[in-house]
Amino acid sequence: MAAAGIKDATAVVGIGQTAFARHLPEDERTLACRAVLAALDDAGIAPAEVDALASYTMEETDEVELAKAVGFGDLTWFGRIGYGGGGSCATVAQLAAAIAAGQARVGVAWRSRKRGSGARPWTDTVRQLPTPAQWTRPFGLLRPVDEIAMLTRRYLHEYGATRDHLFNVALACRNRANQNPDAIMYDRPLTREMYMTSRWISEPLCLFDNCLETDGALACVVVGAERARDCRRTPVLIHAAAQGLPAQHHGMVNYWNDDPLTGPAWTAARHLWKHADLTPEDVDVAQIYDAFTALVPLSLEGYGFCGRGEGGAFTEQGALETGGRLPINTGGGGLSEAYVHGFNLITEGVRQLRGTSTAQVPGASTCLVTAGEGVPTSALLLRRGD
């Protein structure tokens, strides 16, 4: 991907989503179609104009099904990104690259998932374990939370971070969800006592350190910057994008990396800022992937908002709240709005730069969106296009 070639060349012009719930009656294909149609309507673009698609390798709805059901024209570009939540921003980035290179004109990225009512990926014991899992699951690291718990324990030990710092992350996300009627946790406030007395899921991570389990779907529409000016909504320019897979990386545990706490965010960040006209100091609001609270301080460090080992302290004194040093996850994030592999962070980033968020940051003109830390990852740097 020639990241320098996509700078401000494309824009997100439409977003759409279904309801979020622990259980929705529709199947994943139906949810995907509804989210995509909502995004196209938001953009004022007919389905027949779509000629590019991007989604996740874990997506159950394939391109053929979606194209027939929604009524797309001839598709000239389509692709999928691996590594679950690590691929969220990359779906948009690859559409941007395809459009900037002239391979397509109107792209749709989407994610539809029934994680709330569906099966857990790690419960399949029939198929042989992939090679990385052979170094974790036989030894008790059965779920993603178990692997991140080990990294969290190391982080707390090496840098003196505490559970209060993790609570700051959970609280900021919950406070924003309490402002968002679409969030699953809209009417459920969180207190420190609730957090500190909740059950362990994988120590030192408790219930409120973990993302929600959600049924739902989201989508966005990407076009060239010139066409974006004629679309229905304020365009949100894709200023820079990056993917990151560090040398000798080994899943969430990062066993063979020289420093397990230097995750994929560091690699993605170097590429992102290299191809941007902005710096971390220029970011008004951030949507940071939050499948687990501990990923937020690790990402704050990786993307350059603070020094090494300072991510915990960065969360103090309301820094992550509206009006703080760096407001994050203003729709509630994966912890408190919905968990659909991070795609709701993209749509919330767009709402912030349109000025339509339920927790609007005054004057926001730049937004960082990150994908899953701990796995091969991706990121977008968005800016307001007016």
Protein backbone atom coordinates (compact mmCIF):
# COMPACT_ATOMS: atom_id res chain seq x y z
CA MET A 1 0.00 0.00 0.00
CA ALA A 2 1.47 3.35 -1.06
CA ALA A 3 0.29 5.27 1.97
CA ALA A 4 1.75 8.57 0.76
CA GLY A 5 -0.44 8.25 -2.34
CA ILE A 6 -3.68 8.11 -0.39
CA LYS A 7 -3.18 11.25 1.70
CA ASP A 8 -6.51 13.13 1.60
CA ALA A 9 -7.28 11.46 -1.74
CA THR A 10 -10.40 9.70 -0.48
CA ALA A 11 -13.12 10.26 2.07
CA VAL A 12 -15.71 8.41 4.11
CA VAL A 13 -19.06 9.76 2.96
CA GLY A 14 -21.56 7.32 4.44
CA ILE A 15 -21.96 5.26 7.61
CA GLY A 16 -24.64 2.85 8.68
CA GLN A 17 -25.41 0.34 11.40
CA THR A 18 -28.08 -1.94 12.78
CA ALA A 19 -29.26 -2.04 16.35
CA PHE A 20 -26.85 -3.60 18.85
CA ALA A 21 -27.99 -6.30 21.29
CA ARG A 22 -26.93 -9.47 23.02
CA HIS A 23 -29.30 -11.28 20.67
CA LEU A 24 -30.84 -10.13 17.38
CA PRO A 25 -33.21 -12.43 15.47
CA GLU A 26 -31.79 -11.70 12.00
CA ASP A 27 -28.95 -13.72 10.51
CA GLU A 28 -25.56 -12.14 9.78
CA ARG A 29 -26.24 -11.67 6.05
CA THR A 30 -29.46 -9.77 6.74
CA LEU A 31 -27.69 -7.56 9.27
CA ALA A 32 -24.87 -6.91 6.78
CA CYS A 33 -27.33 -5.89 4.06
CA ARG A 34 -29.16 -3.51 6.38
CA ALA A 35 -25.96 -1.81 7.54
CA VAL A 36 -24.66 -1.43 3.98
CA LEU A 37 -27.94 -0.03 2.67
CA ALA A 38 -28.05 2.43 5.58
CA ALA A 39 -24.51 3.61 4.79
CA LEU A 40 -25.29 4.07 1.10
CA ASP A 41 -28.45 6.00 1.93
CA ASP A 42 -26.43 8.17 4.31
CA ALA A 43 -24.05 8.96 1.45
CA GLY A 44 -26.79 9.44 -1.15
CA ILE A 45 -25.23 6.79 -3.41
CA ALA A 46 -27.16 4.06 -5.23
CA PRO A 47 -26.13 0.42 -4.63
CA ALA A 48 -25.52 -0.07 -8.36
CA GLU A 49 -22.61 2.39 -8.17
CA VAL A 50 -20.61 0.28 -5.71
CA ASP A 51 -17.62 -1.38 -7.41
CA ALA A 52 -15.34 -2.27 -4.47
CA LEU A 53 -15.75 -4.18 -1.22
CA ALA A 54 -13.58 -4.84 1.82
CA SER A 55 -14.22 -6.82 4.98
CA TYR A 56 -12.63 -9.27 7.41
CA THR A 57 -11.51 -12.84 6.75
CA MET A 58 -13.74 -13.74 9.71
CA GLU A 59 -16.81 -12.24 7.99
CA GLU A 60 -19.45 -14.89 7.25
CA THR A 61 -21.25 -12.90 4.52
CA ASP A 62 -19.28 -13.19 1.29
CA GLU A 63 -19.05 -10.70 -1.54
CA VAL A 64 -21.27 -12.70 -3.92
CA GLU A 65 -24.12 -12.90 -1.40
CA LEU A 66 -23.90 -9.23 -0.48
CA ALA A 67 -23.64 -8.04 -4.07
CA LYS A 68 -26.72 -9.98 -5.16
CA ALA A 69 -28.81 -9.09 -2.13
CA VAL A 70 -28.05 -5.35 -2.14
CA GLY A 71 -27.89 -4.88 -5.91
CA PHE A 72 -24.31 -3.82 -6.63
CA GLY A 73 -23.03 -3.30 -10.16
CA ASP A 74 -19.88 -4.94 -11.53
CA LEU A 75 -17.23 -5.24 -8.82
CA THR A 76 -13.66 -4.45 -9.90
CA TRP A 77 -11.91 -4.73 -6.55
CA PHE A 78 -12.57 -6.74 -3.38
CA GLY A 79 -10.47 -8.05 -0.52
CA ARG A 80 -10.46 -9.23 3.06
CA ILE A 81 -8.22 -8.52 6.03
CA GLY A 82 -7.15 -11.08 8.62
CA TYR A 83 -6.61 -11.03 12.37
CA GLY A 84 -10.06 -10.14 13.62
CA GLY A 85 -10.21 -6.70 15.19
CA GLY A 86 -6.72 -5.93 13.91
CA GLY A 87 -8.20 -5.60 10.44
CA SER A 88 -10.91 -3.02 11.11
CA CYS A 89 -9.11 0.10 9.92
CA ALA A 90 -7.34 -1.84 7.17
CA THR A 91 -10.65 -2.50 5.43
CA VAL A 92 -11.12 1.24 4.93
CA ALA A 93 -7.43 1.76 4.14
CA GLN A 94 -7.48 -0.80 1.37
CA LEU A 95 -10.56 0.76 -0.19
CA ALA A 96 -8.79 4.11 -0.04
CA ALA A 97 -5.74 2.65 -1.78
CA ALA A 98 -7.86 0.98 -4.48
CA ILE A 99 -9.80 4.18 -5.20
CA ALA A 100 -6.69 6.37 -5.17
CA ALA A 101 -5.04 3.94 -7.63
CA GLY A 102 -8.01 4.05 -10.00
CA GLN A 103 -9.08 0.47 -9.39
CA ALA A 104 -12.52 1.48 -8.14
CA ARG A 105 -14.73 4.53 -7.57
CA VAL A 106 -17.17 3.62 -4.76
CA GLY A 107 -16.12 1.26 -1.99
CA VAL A 108 -18.02 -0.30 0.89
CA ALA A 109 -16.42 -1.80 4.00
CA TRP A 110 -18.51 -3.72 6.49
CA ARG A 111 -18.58 -6.10 9.45
CA SER A 112 -21.57 -8.18 10.52
CA ARG A 113 -21.33 -10.41 13.54
CA LYS A 114 -23.46 -12.41 15.96
CA ARG A 115 -20.93 -12.71 18.75
CA GLY A 116 -23.55 -12.15 21.44
CA SER A 117 -25.74 -15.09 20.47
CA GLY A 118 -23.23 -17.10 18.43
CA ALA A 119 -20.50 -19.57 19.31
CA ARG A 120 -17.19 -18.58 20.91
CA PRO A 121 -14.31 -19.04 18.42
CA TRP A 122 -12.09 -20.80 20.97
CA THR A 123 -14.64 -23.52 21.78
CA ASP A 124 -13.90 -25.48 18.59
CA THR A 125 -11.84 -28.45 19.78
CA VAL A 126 -12.30 -30.62 16.69
CA ARG A 127 -9.88 -28.94 14.30
CA GLN A 128 -6.14 -29.08 14.91
CA LEU A 129 -4.79 -25.98 16.63
CA PRO A 130 -2.93 -23.52 14.43
CA THR A 131 0.77 -23.37 15.20
CA PRO A 132 0.68 -20.21 17.39
CA ALA A 133 -2.11 -21.66 19.54
CA GLN A 134 -0.07 -24.79 20.17
CA TRP A 135 2.18 -22.60 22.33
CA THR A 136 -0.67 -21.16 24.39
CA ARG A 137 -3.86 -23.20 24.67
CA PRO A 138 -2.37 -26.45 26.01
CA PHE A 139 -0.89 -24.35 28.83
CA GLY A 140 -4.15 -22.71 29.89
CA LEU A 141 -4.30 -19.60 27.71
CA LEU A 142 -7.57 -20.66 26.12
CA ARG A 143 -9.19 -17.30 25.32
CA PRO A 144 -7.96 -13.93 24.10
CA VAL A 145 -8.55 -12.55 27.61
CA ASP A 146 -6.10 -15.09 29.06
CA GLU A 147 -3.36 -13.96 26.70
CA ILE A 148 -3.99 -10.26 27.29
CA ALA A 149 -4.13 -10.92 31.06
CA MET A 150 -0.57 -12.18 30.91
CA LEU A 151 0.59 -9.07 29.04
CA THR A 152 -1.34 -6.91 31.50
CA ARG A 153 0.32 -8.56 34.49
CA ARG A 154 3.72 -7.87 32.97
CA TYR A 155 2.78 -4.26 32.23
CA LEU A 156 1.55 -3.64 35.78
CA HIS A 157 4.70 -5.23 37.19
CA GLU A 158 7.22 -3.42 34.99
CA TYR A 159 5.73 0.08 35.07
CA GLY A 160 3.78 0.32 38.31
CA ALA A 161 0.42 0.79 36.63
CA THR A 162 -2.58 -0.20 38.75
CA ARG A 163 -6.13 -1.43 38.42
CA ASP A 164 -7.23 2.17 39.01
CA HIS A 165 -5.66 3.04 35.67
CA LEU A 166 -7.62 0.27 33.97
CA PHE A 167 -10.75 1.53 35.73
CA ASN A 168 -10.14 4.99 34.27
CA VAL A 169 -10.37 3.44 30.79
CA ALA A 170 -13.53 1.48 31.60
CA LEU A 171 -15.14 4.53 33.19
CA ALA A 172 -14.41 6.85 30.28
CA CYS A 173 -15.98 4.40 27.84
CA ARG A 174 -19.00 3.82 30.08
CA ASN A 175 -19.55 7.55 30.62
CA ARG A 176 -19.68 8.10 26.88
CA ALA A 177 -22.02 5.13 26.40
CA ASN A 178 -24.33 6.69 28.99
CA GLN A 179 -24.74 9.59 26.52
CA ASN A 180 -25.36 7.33 23.52
CA PRO A 181 -28.88 5.87 23.17
CA ASP A 182 -27.60 3.25 20.71
CA ALA A 183 -25.09 1.86 23.22
CA ILE A 184 -25.85 -1.40 24.98
CA MET A 185 -24.76 0.17 28.27
CA TYR A 186 -26.65 3.43 27.71
CA ASP A 187 -28.67 3.21 30.94
CA ARG A 188 -26.11 1.39 33.09
CA PRO A 189 -23.62 3.66 34.90
CA LEU A 190 -20.36 2.26 36.26
CA THR A 191 -18.79 3.07 39.65
CA ARG A 192 -15.38 2.31 41.07
CA GLU A 193 -16.94 0.03 43.67
CA MET A 194 -18.73 -1.96 40.97
CA TYR A 195 -15.47 -2.30 39.07
CA MET A 196 -13.28 -3.27 42.02
CA THR A 197 -15.72 -5.86 43.37
CA SER A 198 -16.64 -7.49 40.05
CA ARG A 199 -15.61 -11.06 39.31
CA TRP A 200 -12.34 -11.98 37.68
CA ILE A 201 -12.49 -13.10 34.07
CA SER A 202 -8.75 -13.75 33.88
CA GLU A 203 -6.79 -12.07 36.66
CA PRO A 204 -5.83 -9.21 36.70
CA LEU A 205 -8.69 -8.48 34.25
CA CYS A 206 -12.17 -8.31 35.76
CA LEU A 207 -15.60 -8.27 34.15
CA PHE A 208 -15.46 -4.57 33.29
CA ASP A 209 -12.03 -4.89 31.68
CA ASN A 210 -13.63 -6.99 28.94
CA CYS A 211 -15.57 -5.91 25.87
CA LEU A 212 -19.22 -6.68 25.32
CA GLU A 213 -20.52 -9.67 23.36
CA THR A 214 -22.73 -8.23 20.67
CA ASP A 215 -24.94 -8.99 17.68
CA GLY A 216 -24.88 -6.21 15.10
CA ALA A 217 -23.46 -4.87 11.84
CA LEU A 218 -21.87 -1.66 10.58
CA ALA A 219 -20.66 -0.31 7.24
CA CYS A 220 -19.09 2.74 5.64
CA VAL A 221 -18.78 4.13 2.12
CA VAL A 222 -15.52 5.48 0.65
CA VAL A 223 -15.16 7.58 -2.51
CA GLY A 224 -12.58 9.90 -4.04
CA ALA A 225 -12.16 13.31 -2.40
CA GLU A 226 -13.48 15.18 -5.45
CA ARG A 227 -16.70 13.20 -5.56
CA ALA A 228 -17.04 13.43 -1.78
CA ARG A 229 -17.76 17.14 -2.05
CA ASP A 230 -21.01 16.34 -3.87
CA CYS A 231 -22.25 13.70 -1.45
CA ARG A 232 -25.04 14.15 1.07
CA ARG A 233 -22.91 14.45 4.24
CA THR A 234 -19.81 16.35 5.30
CA PRO A 235 -16.88 14.31 3.94
CA VAL A 236 -14.31 12.89 6.34
CA LEU A 237 -10.95 12.66 4.61
CA ILE A 238 -8.67 9.67 5.06
CA HIS A 239 -5.48 11.57 5.75
CA ALA A 240 -3.22 8.59 6.48
CA ALA A 241 -3.48 4.85 7.05
CA ALA A 242 -1.20 2.07 8.14
CA GLN A 243 -0.97 -1.61 8.97
CA GLY A 244 1.55 -3.10 11.38
CA LEU A 245 3.06 -6.56 11.91
CA PRO A 246 6.32 -6.42 13.90
CA ALA A 247 9.23 -8.77 13.37
CA GLN A 248 8.99 -12.05 15.28
CA HIS A 249 5.48 -11.28 16.44
CA HIS A 250 3.55 -14.14 18.07
CA GLY A 251 -0.12 -13.34 18.53
CA MET A 252 -1.32 -11.58 21.64
CA VAL A 253 1.34 -13.09 23.88
CA ASN A 254 4.17 -11.79 21.67
CA TYR A 255 6.50 -14.46 23.08
CA TRP A 256 9.47 -14.06 20.73
CA ASN A 257 9.56 -10.34 20.32
CA ASP A 258 12.52 -8.72 22.07
CA ASP A 259 10.00 -6.79 24.17
CA PRO A 260 6.51 -8.34 24.45
CA LEU A 261 5.02 -4.97 25.45
CA THR A 262 6.12 -3.40 22.17
CA GLY A 263 3.19 -4.62 20.13
CA PRO A 264 1.95 -4.04 16.58
CA ALA A 265 0.76 -0.51 17.45
CA TRP A 266 4.36 0.67 17.48
CA THR A 267 4.97 -0.62 13.95
CA ALA A 268 1.71 0.79 12.60
CA ALA A 269 2.30 4.14 14.32
CA ARG A 270 5.73 4.67 12.78
CA HIS A 271 4.27 4.18 9.30
CA LEU A 272 1.16 6.26 10.03
CA TRP A 273 2.96 9.34 11.29
CA LYS A 274 5.63 9.04 8.58
CA HIS A 275 2.96 9.60 5.93
CA ALA A 276 0.93 12.22 7.79
CA ASP A 277 1.17 16.00 7.99
CA LEU A 278 -0.03 15.70 11.59
CA THR A 279 1.49 14.52 14.88
CA PRO A 280 -0.07 13.02 18.02
CA GLU A 281 -0.31 16.54 19.43
CA ASP A 282 -2.67 17.47 16.59
CA VAL A 283 -5.23 14.75 17.37
CA ASP A 284 -8.42 16.15 18.89
CA VAL A 285 -10.16 12.87 19.68
CA ALA A 286 -9.24 9.17 19.43
CA GLN A 287 -11.16 5.96 19.00
CA ILE A 288 -8.80 3.36 20.49
CA TYR A 289 -9.51 -0.34 20.16
CA ASP A 290 -10.70 -1.54 23.54
CA ALA A 291 -11.49 -5.24 23.51
CA PHE A 292 -9.72 -5.08 26.90
CA THR A 293 -8.93 -2.01 28.99
CA ALA A 294 -5.21 -2.78 29.06
CA LEU A 295 -4.98 -2.29 25.30
CA VAL A 296 -5.66 1.42 25.71
CA PRO A 297 -2.53 2.38 27.72
CA LEU A 298 -0.46 0.13 25.47
CA SER A 299 -1.89 1.94 22.43
CA LEU A 300 -1.45 5.40 23.95
CA GLU A 301 2.24 4.60 24.20
CA GLY A 302 2.52 2.91 20.82
CA TYR A 303 0.90 5.81 18.94
CA GLY A 304 3.06 8.38 20.68
CA PHE A 305 0.68 10.15 23.06
CA CYS A 306 2.98 9.47 25.99
CA GLY A 307 6.30 7.84 26.78
CA ARG A 308 7.09 4.20 27.36
CA GLY A 309 5.46 2.97 30.57
CA GLU A 310 3.43 6.18 30.96
CA GLY A 311 0.14 4.93 29.53
CA GLY A 312 -1.33 4.20 32.94
CA ALA A 313 -0.50 7.61 34.37
CA PHE A 314 -1.81 9.25 31.18
CA THR A 315 -5.35 8.12 32.12
CA GLU A 316 -5.35 10.06 35.40
CA GLN A 317 -7.26 13.28 36.18
CA GLY A 318 -9.97 12.65 33.59
CA ALA A 319 -7.56 12.70 30.66
CA LEU A 320 -9.72 10.32 28.61
CA GLU A 321 -13.02 12.08 29.32
CA THR A 322 -14.68 14.79 27.24
CA GLY A 323 -12.71 17.95 27.95
CA GLY A 324 -9.67 15.91 28.96
CA ARG A 325 -6.25 15.65 27.41
CA LEU A 326 -7.40 13.07 24.83
CA PRO A 327 -11.10 12.13 24.77
CA ILE A 328 -11.46 8.52 23.64
CA ASN A 329 -14.16 6.13 22.44
CA THR A 330 -16.84 8.75 22.48
CA GLY A 331 -19.63 6.36 21.52
CA GLY A 332 -18.71 3.94 24.31
CA GLY A 333 -16.31 1.73 22.39
CA GLY A 334 -16.18 -2.04 22.53
CA LEU A 335 -16.36 -1.92 26.31
CA SER A 336 -19.71 -0.16 26.54
CA GLU A 337 -21.35 0.56 23.17
CA ALA A 338 -20.92 -2.69 21.20
CA TYR A 339 -18.19 -5.08 20.19
CA VAL A 340 -18.22 -5.70 16.44
CA HIS A 341 -14.48 -6.11 15.89
CA GLY A 342 -13.86 -2.38 16.26
CA PHE A 343 -15.94 -1.15 13.33
CA ASN A 344 -18.04 1.08 15.58
CA LEU A 345 -14.85 3.01 16.38
CA ILE A 346 -14.59 3.93 12.69
CA THR A 347 -18.18 5.13 12.44
CA GLU A 348 -17.86 7.10 15.68
CA GLY A 349 -14.71 8.76 14.35
CA VAL A 350 -16.71 9.87 11.33
CA ARG A 351 -19.51 11.22 13.54
CA GLN A 352 -17.04 13.24 15.59
CA LEU A 353 -15.68 14.96 12.49
CA ARG A 354 -19.18 15.57 11.16
CA GLY A 355 -20.09 17.12 14.49
CA THR A 356 -22.91 14.64 15.15
CA SER A 357 -21.59 12.51 18.02
CA THR A 358 -23.68 12.10 21.15
CA ALA A 359 -20.54 13.10 23.06
CA GLN A 360 -19.23 15.69 20.66
CA VAL A 361 -15.74 17.09 21.24
CA PRO A 362 -16.06 20.81 20.49
CA GLY A 363 -14.27 21.80 17.31
CA ALA A 364 -12.90 18.33 16.60
CA SER A 365 -11.16 18.30 13.22
CA THR A 366 -8.81 15.30 13.54
CA CYS A 367 -9.41 11.79 14.82
CA LEU A 368 -7.18 8.75 15.24
CA VAL A 369 -8.89 5.38 14.92
CA THR A 370 -6.97 2.24 15.88
CA ALA A 371 -7.58 -1.46 15.38
CA GLY A 372 -6.76 -4.31 17.73
CA GLU A 373 -3.49 -4.07 19.62
CA GLY A 374 -1.82 -7.40 20.36
CA VAL A 375 -2.53 -8.77 16.89
CA PRO A 376 -1.39 -7.57 13.44
CA THR A 377 -3.11 -4.22 13.39
CA SER A 378 -4.08 -1.12 11.43
CA ALA A 379 -4.96 2.53 11.98
CA LEU A 380 -6.60 5.50 10.29
CA LEU A 381 -5.95 9.19 10.72
CA LEU A 382 -9.09 11.08 9.74
CA ARG A 383 -9.65 14.79 9.29
CA ARG A 384 -12.65 16.96 8.59
CA GLY A 385 -13.02 17.68 4.89
CA ASP A 386 -14.80 21.03 4.86
